[in-house]
Amino acid sequence: MAGLLTAAGFALLSRTVREPDPTLDETVAQAFLIARKPKRSAV
């Protein structure tokens, strides 16, 4: 997903990955991305 955002021109500001917590029966990691949309160019 991060690659798709940057390929579309978004600026990736933060990427956090949280590993699964077995005490909560989680089986997959969770990812959180914060991206800024590209500025519009003045025409």
N, C-alpha and C. Protein backbone atom coordinates (compact mmCIF):
# COMPACT_ATOMS: atom_id res chain seq x y z
N MET A 1 0.82 -1.18 0.00
CA MET A 1 0.00 0.00 0.00
C MET A 1 0.88 1.25 0.00
N ALA A 2 1.94 1.23 0.79
CA ALA A 2 2.84 2.39 0.84
C ALA A 2 3.43 2.67 -0.54
N GLY A 3 3.80 1.62 -1.24
CA GLY A 3 4.34 1.79 -2.59
C GLY A 3 3.33 2.38 -3.56
N LEU A 4 2.09 1.97 -3.45
CA LEU A 4 1.04 2.53 -4.31
C LEU A 4 0.82 4.01 -4.02
N LEU A 5 0.84 4.37 -2.75
CA LEU A 5 0.65 5.78 -2.38
C LEU A 5 1.79 6.65 -2.92
N THR A 6 3.01 6.21 -2.73
CA THR A 6 4.13 7.01 -3.23
C THR A 6 4.16 7.04 -4.75
N ALA A 7 3.79 5.96 -5.41
CA ALA A 7 3.74 5.94 -6.88
C ALA A 7 2.68 6.90 -7.40
N ALA A 8 1.63 7.14 -6.61
CA ALA A 8 0.57 8.07 -7.01
C ALA A 8 0.92 9.50 -6.65
N GLY A 9 2.11 9.72 -6.08
CA GLY A 9 2.55 11.07 -5.78
C GLY A 9 2.31 11.52 -4.35
N PHE A 10 1.79 10.64 -3.51
CA PHE A 10 1.56 11.00 -2.11
C PHE A 10 2.88 10.99 -1.35
N ALA A 11 2.99 11.86 -0.35
CA ALA A 11 4.17 11.90 0.50
C ALA A 11 3.87 11.08 1.76
N LEU A 12 4.60 10.02 1.97
CA LEU A 12 4.40 9.16 3.13
C LEU A 12 5.05 9.83 4.34
N LEU A 13 4.26 10.17 5.35
CA LEU A 13 4.76 10.86 6.53
C LEU A 13 5.07 9.92 7.67
N SER A 14 4.30 8.84 7.80
CA SER A 14 4.50 7.92 8.92
C SER A 14 4.05 6.52 8.53
N ARG A 15 4.82 5.54 9.00
CA ARG A 15 4.48 4.14 8.77
C ARG A 15 4.74 3.39 10.07
N THR A 16 3.71 2.76 10.61
CA THR A 16 3.84 2.02 11.86
C THR A 16 3.27 0.62 11.66
N VAL A 17 4.00 -0.38 12.10
CA VAL A 17 3.53 -1.76 12.03
C VAL A 17 3.50 -2.31 13.45
N ARG A 18 2.34 -2.83 13.83
CA ARG A 18 2.18 -3.42 15.16
C ARG A 18 2.05 -4.93 14.99
N GLU A 19 2.90 -5.65 15.66
CA GLU A 19 2.88 -7.11 15.57
C GLU A 19 1.65 -7.66 16.30
N PRO A 20 1.18 -8.84 15.90
CA PRO A 20 0.01 -9.42 16.55
C PRO A 20 0.24 -9.69 18.04
N ASP A 21 -0.81 -9.52 18.81
CA ASP A 21 -0.75 -9.77 20.25
C ASP A 21 -1.43 -11.10 20.54
N PRO A 22 -0.64 -12.14 20.85
CA PRO A 22 -1.23 -13.47 21.07
C PRO A 22 -2.20 -13.50 22.26
N THR A 23 -2.02 -12.60 23.22
CA THR A 23 -2.94 -12.60 24.37
C THR A 23 -4.34 -12.12 23.96
N LEU A 24 -4.42 -11.45 22.81
CA LEU A 24 -5.73 -10.99 22.30
C LEU A 24 -6.20 -11.86 21.13
N ASP A 25 -5.53 -12.99 20.91
CA ASP A 25 -5.84 -13.91 19.81
C ASP A 25 -5.71 -13.24 18.44
N GLU A 26 -4.81 -12.28 18.31
CA GLU A 26 -4.56 -11.66 17.01
C GLU A 26 -3.58 -12.53 16.25
N THR A 27 -3.82 -12.68 14.95
CA THR A 27 -2.97 -13.56 14.15
C THR A 27 -2.19 -12.81 13.07
N VAL A 28 -2.53 -11.56 12.82
CA VAL A 28 -1.83 -10.80 11.78
C VAL A 28 -1.40 -9.45 12.33
N ALA A 29 -0.35 -8.91 11.73
CA ALA A 29 0.13 -7.58 12.11
C ALA A 29 -0.84 -6.52 11.57
N GLN A 30 -0.80 -5.34 12.18
CA GLN A 30 -1.62 -4.22 11.71
C GLN A 30 -0.67 -3.11 11.27
N ALA A 31 -0.99 -2.47 10.16
CA ALA A 31 -0.17 -1.37 9.66
C ALA A 31 -1.00 -0.10 9.63
N PHE A 32 -0.35 1.00 9.95
CA PHE A 32 -0.98 2.31 9.93
C PHE A 32 -0.11 3.23 9.08
N LEU A 33 -0.70 3.85 8.07
CA LEU A 33 0.02 4.75 7.19
C LEU A 33 -0.60 6.14 7.26
N ILE A 34 0.25 7.14 7.26
CA ILE A 34 -0.23 8.52 7.17
C ILE A 34 0.48 9.13 5.98
N ALA A 35 -0.31 9.61 5.03
CA ALA A 35 0.25 10.18 3.80
C ALA A 35 -0.44 11.50 3.50
N ARG A 36 0.29 12.38 2.84
CA ARG A 36 -0.25 13.69 2.45
C ARG A 36 -0.46 13.68 0.94
N LYS A 37 -1.61 14.18 0.52
CA LYS A 37 -1.88 14.22 -0.92
C LYS A 37 -0.98 15.25 -1.59
N PRO A 38 -0.69 15.03 -2.86
CA PRO A 38 0.20 15.96 -3.56
C PRO A 38 -0.44 17.34 -3.69
N LYS A 39 0.42 18.37 -3.63
CA LYS A 39 -0.08 19.74 -3.83
C LYS A 39 -0.43 19.92 -5.30
N ARG A 40 -1.46 20.69 -5.53
CA ARG A 40 -1.84 20.98 -6.91
C ARG A 40 -0.88 22.02 -7.46
N SER A 41 -0.43 21.80 -8.66
CA SER A 41 0.50 22.77 -9.28
C SER A 41 -0.27 23.97 -9.81
N ALA A 42 0.32 25.12 -9.65
CA ALA A 42 -0.32 26.34 -10.14
C ALA A 42 -0.19 26.37 -11.66
N VAL A 43 -1.27 26.69 -12.31
CA VAL A 43 -1.28 26.71 -13.78
C VAL A 43 -1.36 28.12 -14.28
